[in-house]
Amino acid sequence: MVRELKRALCARGLGEFSFRASQFGGYTFRCANRTEYYRTMDFGGEADALGAFLFLLRPDDHVWDIGASVGLFTVHAAGAVRRVVAFEPDPATFTRLRQNVEVNGLTDRVDCRMAALGDRNGQVALCTDGLDGNAPSVADLGRHAGVTAAFMTTIDHLVDSNLAPPTVLKIDAEGAEVLVLRGAIQLLASPRAPRLIFLEVHPTFLPSFGATAEAVEALVSQHGYDVAVRRLRGEQIHLLLTRRAGR
């Protein structure tokens, strides 16, 4: 009864509460609204994807979670791998991400960075609803209530700056996945390229970035990746990409 009361109050924005998600190891998440509860306790509608992601991780993996949001994939992955670097550009969402890492005692395994990853270095405008609404975007998709400044950098720049490269890359960037991949061309072409990429493709958002879903798939194929699993989720395409033999 207490959990249901907390859930009802949270859904109405009447308090901030801790909830324990038991399906994949029993992690705790802080929630203050219906959106946060959905993204953590309801797994954002992606319980199957999270389960597959965790199944394929190895204890020595370095995971980069690009578009980490409030930390669903980050927290669960951190219990299974050597290191997670979590990138989230929205200030309010980043604060919650860090809280969720801390409440689970995972600060020694997770490096939280408030940044958008893309194809350049510098300040960008970030369209956002904060914690209670649509995921943020570095393009105006016509569905956000506010705009804030964010810092953008590239995967290649971070690797060149001696951040250990990912062995597993998860990208959920609301259409900016094409920018993220363009900013990782050097890594993807190198012997240190990730062995797995979990990629969310957003066909309805990609035109705002001058791209298409077909162009995104062609880009990863060109750089040595094959589609191992393709799954449709509403208007999204979830891809598991594996490194082609001999690359």
Protein backbone atom coordinates (compact mmCIF):
# COMPACT_ATOMS: atom_id res chain seq x y z
CA MET A 1 0.00 0.00 0.00
CA VAL A 2 2.84 2.41 0.81
CA ARG A 3 4.40 1.87 -2.63
CA GLU A 4 1.08 2.57 -4.35
CA LEU A 5 0.60 5.71 -2.26
CA LYS A 6 4.09 6.92 -3.16
CA ARG A 7 3.42 6.14 -6.82
CA ALA A 8 0.15 8.08 -6.80
CA LEU A 9 1.74 11.10 -5.12
CA CYS A 10 4.70 10.97 -7.50
CA ALA A 11 2.39 10.84 -10.53
CA ARG A 12 0.73 14.03 -9.31
CA GLY A 13 4.04 15.77 -8.65
CA LEU A 14 3.32 15.89 -4.91
CA GLY A 15 6.65 14.66 -3.63
CA GLU A 16 9.98 13.04 -4.37
CA PHE A 17 10.33 9.38 -3.45
CA SER A 18 12.72 6.44 -3.78
CA PHE A 19 11.53 3.32 -5.59
CA ARG A 20 13.29 -0.01 -5.97
CA ALA A 21 13.28 -1.72 -9.37
CA SER A 22 13.75 -5.43 -8.73
CA GLN A 23 13.60 -6.99 -12.19
CA PHE A 24 17.29 -6.56 -13.09
CA GLY A 25 19.16 -6.66 -9.82
CA GLY A 26 17.28 -4.44 -7.41
CA TYR A 27 18.37 -0.82 -7.95
CA THR A 28 16.88 2.31 -6.41
CA PHE A 29 15.74 5.38 -8.33
CA ARG A 30 14.52 8.78 -7.19
CA CYS A 31 11.32 10.01 -8.85
CA ALA A 32 9.30 13.20 -8.49
CA ASN A 33 6.87 12.95 -11.39
CA ARG A 34 5.10 10.53 -13.72
CA THR A 35 7.77 10.82 -16.41
CA GLU A 36 10.60 9.79 -14.10
CA TYR A 37 8.58 6.87 -12.77
CA TYR A 38 7.92 5.67 -16.30
CA ARG A 39 11.59 5.97 -17.26
CA THR A 40 12.78 3.92 -14.29
CA MET A 41 10.10 1.75 -12.69
CA ASP A 42 8.39 1.02 -16.02
CA PHE A 43 11.82 0.84 -17.74
CA GLY A 44 10.74 3.48 -20.24
CA GLY A 45 8.84 0.75 -22.06
CA GLU A 46 12.21 -0.84 -22.86
CA ALA A 47 12.51 -3.71 -20.39
CA ASP A 48 13.27 -6.18 -23.20
CA ALA A 49 15.96 -3.91 -24.65
CA LEU A 50 17.54 -3.39 -21.23
CA GLY A 51 17.54 -7.11 -20.57
CA ALA A 52 19.25 -7.85 -23.89
CA PHE A 53 21.78 -5.07 -23.25
CA LEU A 54 22.70 -6.49 -19.84
CA PHE A 55 22.88 -10.05 -21.17
CA LEU A 56 25.59 -9.08 -23.66
CA LEU A 57 27.81 -7.14 -21.26
CA ARG A 58 31.11 -8.52 -19.98
CA PRO A 59 32.75 -7.78 -16.61
CA ASP A 60 35.71 -6.01 -18.29
CA ASP A 61 33.57 -3.78 -20.52
CA HIS A 62 33.81 0.00 -20.64
CA VAL A 63 30.32 1.29 -21.47
CA TRP A 64 29.56 4.77 -22.75
CA ASP A 65 25.90 5.70 -22.26
CA ILE A 66 25.14 8.61 -24.58
CA GLY A 67 21.81 10.17 -23.72
CA ALA A 68 21.83 8.60 -20.26
CA SER A 69 18.72 10.47 -19.08
CA VAL A 70 18.06 9.67 -15.39
CA GLY A 71 20.32 6.63 -15.49
CA LEU A 72 18.26 3.52 -16.21
CA PHE A 73 20.88 1.87 -18.45
CA THR A 74 23.81 3.47 -16.61
CA VAL A 75 22.88 2.18 -13.18
CA HIS A 76 22.06 -1.33 -14.34
CA ALA A 77 25.20 -1.56 -16.48
CA ALA A 78 27.44 -0.27 -13.68
CA GLY A 79 26.61 -3.32 -11.60
CA ALA A 80 27.89 -5.60 -14.35
CA VAL A 81 30.95 -3.93 -15.93
CA ARG A 82 34.24 -2.29 -15.07
CA ARG A 83 33.30 1.29 -15.94
CA VAL A 84 30.43 3.40 -17.30
CA VAL A 85 30.74 6.91 -18.66
CA ALA A 86 27.29 8.52 -18.71
CA PHE A 87 26.59 11.60 -20.85
CA GLU A 88 23.49 13.73 -20.26
CA PRO A 89 23.29 17.39 -21.39
CA ASP A 90 20.16 18.60 -19.57
CA PRO A 91 21.05 20.15 -16.17
CA ALA A 92 18.02 18.90 -14.22
CA THR A 93 18.19 15.43 -15.71
CA PHE A 94 21.94 15.29 -15.11
CA THR A 95 21.40 16.09 -11.42
CA ARG A 96 18.95 13.21 -11.14
CA LEU A 97 21.32 10.91 -13.03
CA ARG A 98 24.07 11.63 -10.53
CA GLN A 99 21.67 11.14 -7.60
CA ASN A 100 20.61 7.75 -8.93
CA VAL A 101 24.23 6.70 -9.31
CA GLU A 102 25.02 7.87 -5.77
CA VAL A 103 22.00 6.26 -4.08
CA ASN A 104 23.07 2.90 -5.50
CA GLY A 105 26.67 3.27 -4.32
CA LEU A 106 28.09 3.25 -7.84
CA THR A 107 30.15 6.44 -7.91
CA ASP A 108 33.39 4.46 -8.14
CA ARG A 109 32.20 2.81 -11.36
CA VAL A 110 30.36 5.66 -13.09
CA ASP A 111 31.76 8.87 -14.56
CA CYS A 112 28.82 11.29 -15.07
CA ARG A 113 29.44 14.07 -17.60
CA MET A 114 27.03 16.90 -18.35
CA ALA A 115 27.54 17.10 -22.10
CA ALA A 116 25.88 16.40 -25.41
CA LEU A 117 27.88 14.28 -27.81
CA GLY A 118 27.82 15.20 -31.47
CA ASP A 119 30.03 16.21 -34.38
CA ARG A 120 31.75 19.32 -32.96
CA ASN A 121 33.07 20.97 -29.82
CA GLY A 122 31.37 24.03 -28.36
CA GLN A 123 28.19 25.49 -26.94
CA VAL A 124 24.82 24.49 -28.40
CA ALA A 125 21.19 25.32 -27.69
CA LEU A 126 19.40 22.45 -25.96
CA CYS A 127 15.63 22.23 -26.24
CA THR A 128 14.29 20.74 -23.02
CA ASP A 129 11.31 20.02 -20.81
CA GLY A 130 13.53 19.28 -17.81
CA LEU A 131 12.66 16.21 -15.76
CA ASP A 132 8.97 16.18 -16.56
CA GLY A 133 8.47 15.83 -20.30
CA ASN A 134 10.12 14.91 -23.58
CA ALA A 135 13.78 13.96 -23.73
CA PRO A 136 15.99 16.93 -24.67
CA SER A 137 17.27 17.59 -28.17
CA VAL A 138 19.94 19.76 -29.78
CA ALA A 139 17.50 20.47 -32.62
CA ASP A 140 14.18 22.30 -32.43
CA LEU A 141 11.71 19.46 -32.83
CA GLY A 142 8.74 21.66 -31.93
CA ARG A 143 7.88 19.73 -28.80
CA HIS A 144 9.83 21.31 -25.95
CA ALA A 145 8.86 24.07 -23.54
CA GLY A 146 12.28 25.63 -22.95
CA VAL A 147 15.83 26.15 -24.18
CA THR A 148 19.09 26.10 -22.26
CA ALA A 149 22.77 26.20 -23.15
CA ALA A 150 24.71 22.94 -23.28
CA PHE A 151 28.22 21.87 -24.10
CA MET A 152 28.78 19.54 -27.05
CA THR A 153 31.85 17.45 -27.69
CA THR A 154 32.74 14.43 -29.82
CA ILE A 155 33.66 10.85 -29.10
CA ASP A 156 36.89 11.22 -31.06
CA HIS A 157 37.89 14.32 -29.06
CA LEU A 158 37.31 12.52 -25.76
CA VAL A 159 39.32 9.48 -26.86
CA ASP A 160 42.11 11.78 -28.10
CA SER A 161 42.01 13.38 -24.64
CA ASN A 162 42.85 9.98 -23.11
CA LEU A 163 39.42 8.90 -21.95
CA ALA A 164 39.39 5.11 -22.22
CA PRO A 165 37.36 4.24 -25.34
CA PRO A 166 34.14 2.26 -25.02
CA THR A 167 33.96 -1.44 -25.73
CA VAL A 168 30.18 -1.04 -25.72
CA LEU A 169 28.44 2.10 -26.96
CA LYS A 170 24.78 2.90 -26.25
CA ILE A 171 23.33 5.88 -28.14
CA ASP A 172 19.90 7.40 -27.55
CA ALA A 173 20.11 10.99 -28.78
CA GLU A 174 16.69 11.93 -30.19
CA GLY A 175 17.82 12.16 -33.81
CA ALA A 176 21.31 13.44 -33.00
CA GLU A 177 22.56 9.86 -33.32
CA VAL A 178 23.81 10.84 -36.77
CA LEU A 179 25.92 13.63 -35.22
CA VAL A 180 27.25 11.29 -32.53
CA LEU A 181 28.38 8.79 -35.16
CA ARG A 182 29.96 11.49 -37.34
CA GLY A 183 31.94 12.58 -34.29
CA ALA A 184 33.25 9.03 -33.79
CA ILE A 185 34.62 8.29 -37.27
CA GLN A 186 38.24 7.97 -36.12
CA LEU A 187 37.36 5.55 -33.32
CA LEU A 188 35.05 3.46 -35.49
CA ALA A 189 37.81 3.08 -38.09
CA SER A 190 40.43 2.10 -35.52
CA PRO A 191 41.39 -1.21 -33.87
CA ARG A 192 39.88 0.16 -30.63
CA ALA A 193 36.37 0.43 -32.10
CA PRO A 194 33.54 -0.78 -29.81
CA ARG A 195 32.64 -4.43 -30.15
CA LEU A 196 28.93 -3.60 -29.75
CA ILE A 197 26.77 -0.55 -30.45
CA PHE A 198 23.22 -0.29 -29.13
CA LEU A 199 21.67 2.38 -31.31
CA GLU A 200 18.25 4.00 -31.17
CA VAL A 201 17.36 5.47 -34.55
CA HIS A 202 14.63 8.13 -34.70
CA PRO A 203 13.36 8.40 -38.30
CA THR A 204 10.89 11.18 -37.46
CA PHE A 205 13.59 13.36 -35.85
CA LEU A 206 16.48 12.71 -38.24
CA PRO A 207 15.26 15.15 -40.95
CA SER A 208 15.89 17.97 -38.44
CA PHE A 209 19.54 16.89 -38.60
CA GLY A 210 19.60 16.58 -42.38
CA ALA A 211 19.63 12.79 -42.31
CA THR A 212 17.51 9.67 -42.66
CA ALA A 213 17.43 6.27 -40.97
CA GLU A 214 18.90 4.78 -44.14
CA ALA A 215 21.82 7.23 -43.99
CA VAL A 216 22.53 6.30 -40.36
CA GLU A 217 22.60 2.59 -41.17
CA ALA A 218 24.81 3.23 -44.19
CA LEU A 219 27.24 5.18 -42.00
CA VAL A 220 27.70 2.38 -39.48
CA SER A 221 27.92 -0.23 -42.24
CA GLN A 222 30.61 1.80 -43.99
CA HIS A 223 32.64 1.73 -40.78
CA GLY A 224 32.52 -1.99 -40.25
CA TYR A 225 29.30 -2.81 -38.41
CA ASP A 226 26.53 -5.24 -39.23
CA VAL A 227 22.98 -5.23 -37.90
CA ALA A 228 22.64 -8.27 -35.63
CA VAL A 229 19.18 -7.38 -34.31
CA ARG A 230 16.61 -4.90 -35.58
CA ARG A 231 13.54 -4.13 -33.48
CA LEU A 232 10.79 -1.60 -34.06
CA ARG A 233 9.37 0.27 -31.07
CA GLY A 234 6.70 2.68 -32.20
CA GLU A 235 8.43 5.19 -34.45
CA GLN A 236 11.89 4.17 -33.23
CA ILE A 237 14.26 1.56 -34.64
CA HIS A 238 16.44 -0.25 -32.11
CA LEU A 239 19.62 -1.71 -33.59
CA LEU A 240 22.22 -4.02 -32.10
CA LEU A 241 25.35 -3.54 -34.19
CA THR A 242 28.28 -5.94 -34.09
CA ARG A 243 31.80 -5.40 -35.39
CA ARG A 244 32.31 -7.11 -38.73
CA ALA A 245 34.86 -9.92 -38.72
CA GLY A 246 38.26 -8.84 -39.98
CA ARG A 247 37.82 -5.18 -39.05
